[in-house]
Amino acid sequence: KTGVGMVRMARLLGAVALLAVLLPVSSLFEDQVGVNDFIVKNIGGITTSVFHPDTQKRRLLVATEVGAVASLDIKSGEVNWRQVLGGEETVDVLRLLGNQIVTLSGGGRHLSLWDERSGSLLWDRMMTGEALADSGEGAGGADVAFLPDQNNDSID
C-alpha cells in the first residue's frame, strides 16, 4: 500500500505542476496601475454626463474626476466600458455625436474621438501652440463648437 500511495502522490503532484504551467497568468507593471488595469470597474466621481438619445440603448456616457470616460447601463448600473486618459488629465468637454463621443481634455489641449459602442479610441490629437494662441488659453478661453456632418461624408 505504501507503493500505491506514492504513485498517487506523484500523480497528484504531476497534475498540480501541469496546471501551474498551463494556466494563464496576467500582471501589470507598477506604472500601468490605474491606466491599464481593465479589471477595475470603479470610474470615480462623475463630472460630466450625457444620456444617449436612443432610450432603447439605456446608456449614460460619463467623464469622471479621475480622468475616465465611460459608458454605463442605466438600468443595471454596470460599466459597459471605460477608458482612462492617463496622468492627471481630466475631461473638460464631453459630447455625443451620432455613434461617436468627442472629448476635449487637458485644459483644451487634447481632442479625442471615441466609438460610443465599444469605447475604442478612433482619433486623437494634441492641439498645437498656434491653435491655442488663436483661441485663448485652453478650454477656459475658447468656445468650442461641434458641428454635425452636413452631408454624411465624414469630412466636413
N, C-alpha and C. Protein backbone atom coordinates (compact mmCIF):
# COMPACT_ATOMS: atom_id res chain seq x y z
N LYS A 1 0.82 -1.20 0.00
CA LYS A 1 0.00 0.00 0.00
C LYS A 1 0.85 1.25 0.00
N THR A 2 2.05 1.20 0.51
CA THR A 2 2.93 2.35 0.52
C THR A 2 3.32 2.72 -0.90
N GLY A 3 3.56 1.73 -1.75
CA GLY A 3 3.91 1.98 -3.15
C GLY A 3 2.76 2.62 -3.91
N VAL A 4 1.51 2.17 -3.62
CA VAL A 4 0.32 2.73 -4.27
C VAL A 4 0.12 4.18 -3.83
N GLY A 5 0.34 4.46 -2.57
CA GLY A 5 0.21 5.82 -2.05
C GLY A 5 1.24 6.75 -2.67
N MET A 6 2.44 6.26 -2.88
CA MET A 6 3.50 7.06 -3.50
C MET A 6 3.16 7.37 -4.96
N VAL A 7 2.58 6.41 -5.65
CA VAL A 7 2.18 6.62 -7.05
C VAL A 7 1.08 7.66 -7.13
N ARG A 8 0.12 7.56 -6.23
CA ARG A 8 -0.97 8.56 -6.21
C ARG A 8 -0.44 9.95 -5.90
N MET A 9 0.48 10.04 -4.94
CA MET A 9 1.08 11.32 -4.59
C MET A 9 1.86 11.89 -5.77
N ALA A 10 2.59 11.06 -6.48
CA ALA A 10 3.35 11.51 -7.65
C ALA A 10 2.41 11.99 -8.74
N ARG A 11 1.32 11.28 -8.95
CA ARG A 11 0.33 11.71 -9.97
C ARG A 11 -0.31 13.04 -9.58
N LEU A 12 -0.63 13.20 -8.31
CA LEU A 12 -1.23 14.45 -7.84
C LEU A 12 -0.27 15.62 -8.01
N LEU A 13 0.99 15.43 -7.63
CA LEU A 13 1.99 16.48 -7.80
C LEU A 13 2.22 16.79 -9.27
N GLY A 14 2.20 15.79 -10.12
CA GLY A 14 2.34 15.99 -11.56
C GLY A 14 1.18 16.80 -12.13
N ALA A 15 -0.05 16.49 -11.68
CA ALA A 15 -1.23 17.23 -12.14
C ALA A 15 -1.17 18.69 -11.70
N VAL A 16 -0.76 18.93 -10.45
CA VAL A 16 -0.65 20.29 -9.95
C VAL A 16 0.42 21.06 -10.73
N ALA A 17 1.55 20.44 -11.00
CA ALA A 17 2.61 21.09 -11.78
C ALA A 17 2.14 21.39 -13.20
N LEU A 18 1.40 20.46 -13.81
CA LEU A 18 0.88 20.68 -15.16
C LEU A 18 -0.11 21.84 -15.19
N LEU A 19 -0.99 21.90 -14.21
CA LEU A 19 -1.94 23.02 -14.13
C LEU A 19 -1.23 24.35 -13.93
N ALA A 20 -0.21 24.36 -13.11
CA ALA A 20 0.54 25.60 -12.85
C ALA A 20 1.20 26.11 -14.13
N VAL A 21 1.63 25.22 -14.98
CA VAL A 21 2.28 25.61 -16.23
C VAL A 21 1.27 26.05 -17.28
N LEU A 22 0.11 25.39 -17.33
CA LEU A 22 -0.86 25.64 -18.39
C LEU A 22 -1.80 26.80 -18.12
N LEU A 23 -2.04 27.14 -16.87
CA LEU A 23 -2.97 28.22 -16.57
C LEU A 23 -2.35 29.57 -16.91
N PRO A 24 -3.14 30.46 -17.57
CA PRO A 24 -2.59 31.78 -17.92
C PRO A 24 -2.39 32.65 -16.69
N VAL A 25 -1.40 33.49 -16.77
CA VAL A 25 -1.10 34.42 -15.69
C VAL A 25 -1.08 35.82 -16.30
N SER A 26 -1.68 36.78 -15.62
CA SER A 26 -1.63 38.15 -16.10
C SER A 26 -1.13 39.04 -14.97
N SER A 27 -0.43 40.09 -15.37
CA SER A 27 0.11 41.02 -14.38
C SER A 27 0.28 42.39 -15.02
N LEU A 28 0.59 43.37 -14.18
CA LEU A 28 0.80 44.74 -14.61
C LEU A 28 2.13 45.25 -14.08
N PHE A 29 2.74 46.13 -14.84
CA PHE A 29 3.88 46.86 -14.30
C PHE A 29 3.35 47.95 -13.37
N GLU A 30 4.16 48.40 -12.46
CA GLU A 30 3.74 49.38 -11.46
C GLU A 30 3.20 50.66 -12.11
N ASP A 31 3.82 51.11 -13.22
CA ASP A 31 3.38 52.35 -13.85
C ASP A 31 2.09 52.19 -14.64
N GLN A 32 1.57 50.97 -14.80
CA GLN A 32 0.33 50.73 -15.52
C GLN A 32 -0.89 50.70 -14.60
N VAL A 33 -0.67 50.64 -13.30
CA VAL A 33 -1.78 50.59 -12.36
C VAL A 33 -2.60 51.87 -12.47
N GLY A 34 -3.90 51.74 -12.63
CA GLY A 34 -4.79 52.89 -12.78
C GLY A 34 -4.96 53.32 -14.21
N VAL A 35 -4.12 52.82 -15.13
CA VAL A 35 -4.23 53.17 -16.54
C VAL A 35 -4.66 51.95 -17.35
N ASN A 36 -3.98 50.83 -17.18
CA ASN A 36 -4.25 49.64 -17.97
C ASN A 36 -4.86 48.50 -17.16
N ASP A 37 -5.36 48.76 -15.99
CA ASP A 37 -5.96 47.70 -15.18
C ASP A 37 -7.45 47.60 -15.51
N PHE A 38 -7.75 46.87 -16.54
CA PHE A 38 -9.10 46.81 -17.08
C PHE A 38 -10.05 46.02 -16.21
N ILE A 39 -9.57 45.35 -15.20
CA ILE A 39 -10.45 44.60 -14.31
C ILE A 39 -11.16 45.54 -13.33
N VAL A 40 -10.54 46.63 -12.96
CA VAL A 40 -11.12 47.58 -12.01
C VAL A 40 -12.36 48.23 -12.64
N LYS A 41 -13.48 48.15 -11.96
CA LYS A 41 -14.74 48.68 -12.50
C LYS A 41 -15.06 50.07 -11.99
N ASN A 42 -14.33 50.57 -11.00
CA ASN A 42 -14.61 51.90 -10.46
C ASN A 42 -14.25 52.96 -11.49
N ILE A 43 -15.06 54.00 -11.55
CA ILE A 43 -14.80 55.06 -12.52
C ILE A 43 -14.57 56.41 -11.86
N GLY A 44 -14.81 56.53 -10.57
CA GLY A 44 -14.62 57.81 -9.89
C GLY A 44 -15.90 58.64 -9.91
N GLY A 45 -15.81 59.83 -9.32
CA GLY A 45 -16.96 60.74 -9.27
C GLY A 45 -17.24 61.35 -10.63
N ILE A 46 -18.49 61.37 -11.02
CA ILE A 46 -18.89 61.86 -12.34
C ILE A 46 -18.87 63.39 -12.36
N THR A 47 -18.19 63.95 -13.37
CA THR A 47 -18.13 65.40 -13.53
C THR A 47 -19.00 65.88 -14.70
N THR A 48 -19.16 65.05 -15.72
CA THR A 48 -19.96 65.38 -16.90
C THR A 48 -20.70 64.14 -17.35
N SER A 49 -21.95 64.30 -17.77
CA SER A 49 -22.70 63.13 -18.25
C SER A 49 -23.61 63.52 -19.41
N VAL A 50 -23.86 62.54 -20.27
CA VAL A 50 -24.75 62.72 -21.41
C VAL A 50 -25.58 61.45 -21.55
N PHE A 51 -26.90 61.57 -21.53
CA PHE A 51 -27.77 60.43 -21.79
C PHE A 51 -27.78 60.15 -23.28
N HIS A 52 -27.75 58.88 -23.65
CA HIS A 52 -27.87 58.51 -25.06
C HIS A 52 -29.30 58.83 -25.48
N PRO A 53 -29.49 59.50 -26.63
CA PRO A 53 -30.85 59.89 -27.04
C PRO A 53 -31.75 58.70 -27.37
N ASP A 54 -31.19 57.56 -27.75
CA ASP A 54 -31.97 56.36 -28.04
C ASP A 54 -32.24 55.64 -26.72
N THR A 55 -33.48 55.74 -26.23
CA THR A 55 -33.81 55.18 -24.92
C THR A 55 -33.72 53.65 -24.90
N GLN A 56 -33.76 53.00 -26.05
CA GLN A 56 -33.60 51.55 -26.10
C GLN A 56 -32.20 51.11 -25.73
N LYS A 57 -31.21 51.99 -25.95
CA LYS A 57 -29.82 51.63 -25.65
C LYS A 57 -29.50 51.71 -24.17
N ARG A 58 -30.28 52.47 -23.38
CA ARG A 58 -30.12 52.57 -21.93
C ARG A 58 -28.70 52.90 -21.51
N ARG A 59 -28.08 53.91 -22.15
CA ARG A 59 -26.69 54.24 -21.83
C ARG A 59 -26.57 55.67 -21.31
N LEU A 60 -25.65 55.81 -20.36
CA LEU A 60 -25.25 57.11 -19.86
C LEU A 60 -23.75 57.20 -20.10
N LEU A 61 -23.33 58.21 -20.82
CA LEU A 61 -21.92 58.43 -21.11
C LEU A 61 -21.41 59.44 -20.11
N VAL A 62 -20.27 59.15 -19.48
CA VAL A 62 -19.78 60.00 -18.40
C VAL A 62 -18.30 60.28 -18.53
N ALA A 63 -17.89 61.40 -17.94
CA ALA A 63 -16.49 61.72 -17.70
C ALA A 63 -16.36 61.86 -16.19
N THR A 64 -15.21 61.47 -15.65
CA THR A 64 -15.07 61.45 -14.19
C THR A 64 -13.87 62.25 -13.72
N GLU A 65 -13.83 62.49 -12.42
CA GLU A 65 -12.77 63.28 -11.81
C GLU A 65 -11.41 62.60 -11.86
N VAL A 66 -11.37 61.30 -12.12
CA VAL A 66 -10.09 60.59 -12.22
C VAL A 66 -9.63 60.47 -13.67
N GLY A 67 -10.28 61.19 -14.59
CA GLY A 67 -9.87 61.18 -15.99
C GLY A 67 -10.35 59.98 -16.77
N ALA A 68 -11.49 59.43 -16.40
CA ALA A 68 -12.05 58.28 -17.13
C ALA A 68 -13.23 58.75 -17.98
N VAL A 69 -13.37 58.11 -19.13
CA VAL A 69 -14.55 58.25 -19.98
C VAL A 69 -15.21 56.88 -19.97
N ALA A 70 -16.52 56.82 -19.72
CA ALA A 70 -17.15 55.51 -19.56
C ALA A 70 -18.58 55.52 -20.08
N SER A 71 -19.08 54.32 -20.34
CA SER A 71 -20.47 54.10 -20.71
C SER A 71 -21.10 53.22 -19.64
N LEU A 72 -22.22 53.69 -19.07
CA LEU A 72 -22.90 52.96 -18.02
C LEU A 72 -24.26 52.50 -18.50
N ASP A 73 -24.67 51.30 -18.09
CA ASP A 73 -26.01 50.81 -18.36
C ASP A 73 -26.94 51.45 -17.33
N ILE A 74 -27.93 52.20 -17.79
CA ILE A 74 -28.80 52.96 -16.88
C ILE A 74 -29.61 52.04 -15.98
N LYS A 75 -30.07 50.92 -16.53
CA LYS A 75 -30.95 50.04 -15.77
C LYS A 75 -30.18 49.24 -14.70
N SER A 76 -29.05 48.66 -15.07
CA SER A 76 -28.32 47.79 -14.13
C SER A 76 -27.21 48.52 -13.37
N GLY A 77 -26.73 49.65 -13.90
CA GLY A 77 -25.61 50.35 -13.28
C GLY A 77 -24.26 49.77 -13.66
N GLU A 78 -24.24 48.75 -14.49
CA GLU A 78 -22.99 48.12 -14.91
C GLU A 78 -22.18 49.07 -15.80
N VAL A 79 -20.87 48.93 -15.74
CA VAL A 79 -19.98 49.69 -16.61
C VAL A 79 -19.85 48.90 -17.92
N ASN A 80 -20.35 49.47 -19.02
CA ASN A 80 -20.23 48.81 -20.33
C ASN A 80 -18.77 48.82 -20.78
N TRP A 81 -18.13 49.96 -20.65
CA TRP A 81 -16.70 50.11 -20.96
C TRP A 81 -16.20 51.36 -20.27
N ARG A 82 -14.89 51.43 -20.12
CA ARG A 82 -14.27 52.64 -19.58
C ARG A 82 -12.88 52.78 -20.17
N GLN A 83 -12.47 54.01 -20.33
CA GLN A 83 -11.13 54.33 -20.80
C GLN A 83 -10.58 55.41 -19.87
N VAL A 84 -9.35 55.24 -19.45
CA VAL A 84 -8.71 56.22 -18.57
C VAL A 84 -7.73 57.02 -19.41
N LEU A 85 -7.81 58.35 -19.34
CA LEU A 85 -6.98 59.22 -20.16
C LEU A 85 -5.51 59.13 -19.78
N GLY A 86 -5.21 58.91 -18.54
CA GLY A 86 -3.82 58.78 -18.11
C GLY A 86 -3.30 60.07 -17.49
N GLY A 87 -2.32 59.92 -16.63
CA GLY A 87 -1.73 61.08 -15.97
C GLY A 87 -2.75 61.80 -15.11
N GLU A 88 -2.62 63.11 -15.08
CA GLU A 88 -3.53 63.96 -14.31
C GLU A 88 -4.62 64.56 -15.19
N GLU A 89 -4.74 64.10 -16.42
CA GLU A 89 -5.66 64.69 -17.38
C GLU A 89 -7.12 64.37 -17.05
N THR A 90 -7.99 65.39 -17.10
CA THR A 90 -9.42 65.20 -16.91
C THR A 90 -10.16 65.79 -18.11
N VAL A 91 -11.40 65.35 -18.29
CA VAL A 91 -12.21 65.77 -19.43
C VAL A 91 -12.84 67.12 -19.14
N ASP A 92 -12.65 68.08 -20.07
CA ASP A 92 -13.26 69.40 -19.97
C ASP A 92 -14.61 69.44 -20.66
N VAL A 93 -14.72 68.77 -21.82
CA VAL A 93 -15.95 68.76 -22.62
C VAL A 93 -16.21 67.34 -23.09
N LEU A 94 -17.48 66.90 -22.99
CA LEU A 94 -17.91 65.58 -23.47
C LEU A 94 -19.16 65.78 -24.30
N ARG A 95 -19.14 65.32 -25.56
CA ARG A 95 -20.30 65.46 -26.45
C ARG A 95 -20.53 64.15 -27.19
N LEU A 96 -21.80 63.81 -27.41
CA LEU A 96 -22.17 62.65 -28.20
C LEU A 96 -22.61 63.14 -29.58
N LEU A 97 -21.95 62.63 -30.61
CA LEU A 97 -22.28 62.98 -32.00
C LEU A 97 -22.56 61.70 -32.76
N GLY A 98 -23.84 61.36 -32.90
CA GLY A 98 -24.19 60.10 -33.56
C GLY A 98 -23.71 58.93 -32.73
N ASN A 99 -22.85 58.10 -33.32
CA ASN A 99 -22.29 56.94 -32.62
C ASN A 99 -20.86 57.19 -32.14
N GLN A 100 -20.52 58.46 -32.00
CA GLN A 100 -19.17 58.82 -31.58
C GLN A 100 -19.22 59.81 -30.42
N ILE A 101 -18.20 59.72 -29.59
CA ILE A 101 -18.07 60.62 -28.45
C ILE A 101 -16.85 61.50 -28.69
N VAL A 102 -17.01 62.79 -28.50
CA VAL A 102 -15.89 63.72 -28.62
C VAL A 102 -15.56 64.22 -27.22
N THR A 103 -14.26 64.17 -26.88
CA THR A 103 -13.82 64.71 -25.60
C THR A 103 -12.72 65.74 -25.84
N LEU A 104 -12.77 66.80 -25.08
CA LEU A 104 -11.73 67.81 -25.06
C LEU A 104 -11.19 67.78 -23.64
N SER A 105 -9.89 67.57 -23.49
CA SER A 105 -9.31 67.40 -22.16
C SER A 105 -7.97 68.11 -22.08
N GLY A 106 -7.36 68.03 -20.92
CA GLY A 106 -6.06 68.66 -20.73
C GLY A 106 -6.09 70.16 -20.87
N GLY A 107 -7.13 70.79 -20.35
CA GLY A 107 -7.24 72.25 -20.46
C GLY A 107 -7.49 72.71 -21.88
N GLY A 108 -8.16 71.88 -22.69
CA GLY A 108 -8.48 72.24 -24.07
C GLY A 108 -7.37 71.89 -25.05
N ARG A 109 -6.38 71.16 -24.61
CA ARG A 109 -5.24 70.84 -25.47
C ARG A 109 -5.31 69.47 -26.11
N HIS A 110 -6.22 68.61 -25.68
CA HIS A 110 -6.27 67.22 -26.15
C HIS A 110 -7.67 66.90 -26.65
N LEU A 111 -7.80 66.66 -27.95
CA LEU A 111 -9.07 66.37 -28.59
C LEU A 111 -9.09 64.90 -28.99
N SER A 112 -10.13 64.16 -28.58
CA SER A 112 -10.22 62.72 -28.86
C SER A 112 -11.61 62.37 -29.36
N LEU A 113 -11.66 61.33 -30.21
CA LEU A 113 -12.91 60.81 -30.75
C LEU A 113 -12.98 59.33 -30.40
N TRP A 114 -14.09 58.92 -29.77
CA TRP A 114 -14.26 57.56 -29.26
C TRP A 114 -15.47 56.91 -29.92
N ASP A 115 -15.44 55.59 -30.07
CA ASP A 115 -16.60 54.84 -30.53
C ASP A 115 -17.56 54.68 -29.35
N GLU A 116 -18.80 55.07 -29.54
CA GLU A 116 -19.77 55.06 -28.45
C GLU A 116 -20.12 53.64 -28.01
N ARG A 117 -20.11 52.68 -28.91
CA ARG A 117 -20.50 51.31 -28.57
C ARG A 117 -19.41 50.56 -27.80
N SER A 118 -18.16 50.69 -28.26
CA SER A 118 -17.08 49.88 -27.70
C SER A 118 -16.11 50.65 -26.81
N GLY A 119 -16.08 51.97 -26.93
CA GLY A 119 -15.12 52.77 -26.18
C GLY A 119 -13.76 52.84 -26.85
N SER A 120 -13.65 52.31 -28.06
CA SER A 120 -12.38 52.33 -28.78
C SER A 120 -12.02 53.76 -29.18
N LEU A 121 -10.75 54.08 -29.06
CA LEU A 121 -10.26 55.39 -29.48
C LEU A 121 -10.14 55.40 -31.00
N LEU A 122 -10.87 56.31 -31.66
CA LEU A 122 -10.87 56.39 -33.12
C LEU A 122 -9.90 57.43 -33.65
N TRP A 123 -9.73 58.50 -32.88
CA TRP A 123 -8.92 59.63 -33.36
C TRP A 123 -8.46 60.41 -32.14
N ASP A 124 -7.23 60.93 -32.21
CA ASP A 124 -6.66 61.59 -31.05
C ASP A 124 -5.66 62.64 -31.52
N ARG A 125 -5.79 63.88 -31.07
CA ARG A 125 -4.87 64.94 -31.47
C ARG A 125 -4.57 65.85 -30.29
N MET A 126 -3.30 66.26 -30.22
CA MET A 126 -2.90 67.29 -29.27
C MET A 126 -2.94 68.61 -30.04
N MET A 127 -3.53 69.62 -29.46
CA MET A 127 -3.62 70.92 -30.11
C MET A 127 -2.25 71.59 -30.07
N THR A 128 -1.87 72.22 -31.17
CA THR A 128 -0.57 72.88 -31.24
C THR A 128 -0.63 74.24 -30.58
N GLY A 129 0.52 74.84 -30.37
CA GLY A 129 0.59 76.16 -29.75
C GLY A 129 -0.12 77.21 -30.58
N GLU A 130 -0.06 77.12 -31.93
CA GLU A 130 -0.73 78.11 -32.78
C GLU A 130 -2.23 78.07 -32.61
N ALA A 131 -2.80 76.85 -32.56
CA ALA A 131 -4.25 76.73 -32.40
C ALA A 131 -4.69 77.28 -31.05
N LEU A 132 -3.89 77.04 -30.01
CA LEU A 132 -4.24 77.54 -28.69
C LEU A 132 -4.09 79.05 -28.60
N ALA A 133 -3.09 79.61 -29.27
CA ALA A 133 -2.88 81.06 -29.25
C ALA A 133 -4.06 81.77 -29.91
N ASP A 134 -4.62 81.18 -30.95
CA ASP A 134 -5.77 81.78 -31.64
C ASP A 134 -7.03 81.74 -30.80
N SER A 135 -7.13 80.74 -29.90
CA SER A 135 -8.38 80.55 -29.18
C SER A 135 -8.34 81.02 -27.73
N GLY A 136 -7.26 81.50 -27.25
CA GLY A 136 -7.15 81.87 -25.84
C GLY A 136 -6.34 80.83 -25.12
N GLU A 137 -6.54 80.69 -23.81
CA GLU A 137 -5.77 79.73 -23.02
C GLU A 137 -6.59 78.49 -22.77
N GLY A 138 -6.47 77.51 -23.64
CA GLY A 138 -7.16 76.23 -23.46
C GLY A 138 -8.66 76.38 -23.48
N ALA A 139 -9.36 75.45 -22.85
CA ALA A 139 -10.82 75.44 -22.87
C ALA A 139 -11.41 76.61 -22.11
N GLY A 140 -10.66 77.16 -21.14
CA GLY A 140 -11.18 78.26 -20.35
C GLY A 140 -11.35 79.53 -21.17
N GLY A 141 -10.56 79.72 -22.23
CA GLY A 141 -10.66 80.93 -23.03
C GLY A 141 -11.26 80.72 -24.40
N ALA A 142 -11.75 79.52 -24.69
CA ALA A 142 -12.24 79.24 -26.04
C ALA A 142 -13.66 78.71 -25.99
N ASP A 143 -14.45 79.10 -26.95
CA ASP A 143 -15.75 78.48 -27.16
C ASP A 143 -15.54 77.36 -28.15
N VAL A 144 -16.02 76.17 -27.82
CA VAL A 144 -15.85 75.01 -28.68
C VAL A 144 -17.20 74.67 -29.27
N ALA A 145 -17.26 74.52 -30.58
CA ALA A 145 -18.50 74.16 -31.26
C ALA A 145 -18.29 72.85 -32.01
N PHE A 146 -19.18 71.88 -31.80
CA PHE A 146 -19.15 70.63 -32.53
C PHE A 146 -20.30 70.68 -33.53
N LEU A 147 -19.97 70.64 -34.80
CA LEU A 147 -20.97 70.75 -35.84
C LEU A 147 -21.24 69.38 -36.46
N PRO A 148 -22.51 69.05 -36.73
CA PRO A 148 -22.80 67.75 -37.35
C PRO A 148 -22.34 67.73 -38.80
N ASP A 149 -22.06 66.54 -39.30
CA ASP A 149 -21.68 66.34 -40.69
C ASP A 149 -22.88 66.71 -41.57
N GLN A 150 -22.73 67.70 -42.43
CA GLN A 150 -23.84 68.23 -43.21
C GLN A 150 -24.34 67.27 -44.28
N ASN A 151 -23.46 66.48 -44.88
CA ASN A 151 -23.90 65.61 -45.98
C ASN A 151 -23.45 64.15 -45.79
N ASN A 152 -23.16 63.76 -44.57
CA ASN A 152 -22.80 62.38 -44.21
C ASN A 152 -21.58 61.84 -44.93
N ASP A 153 -20.62 62.69 -45.32
CA ASP A 153 -19.42 62.20 -45.99
C ASP A 153 -18.23 62.12 -45.04
N SER A 154 -18.43 62.41 -43.76
CA SER A 154 -17.43 62.29 -42.70
C SER A 154 -16.21 63.19 -42.88
N ILE A 155 -16.30 64.23 -43.72
CA ILE A 155 -15.14 65.10 -43.90
C ILE A 155 -15.46 66.57 -43.71
N ASP A 156 -16.64 66.92 -43.22
CA ASP A 156 -16.97 68.33 -43.01
C ASP A 156 -16.23 68.90 -41.84
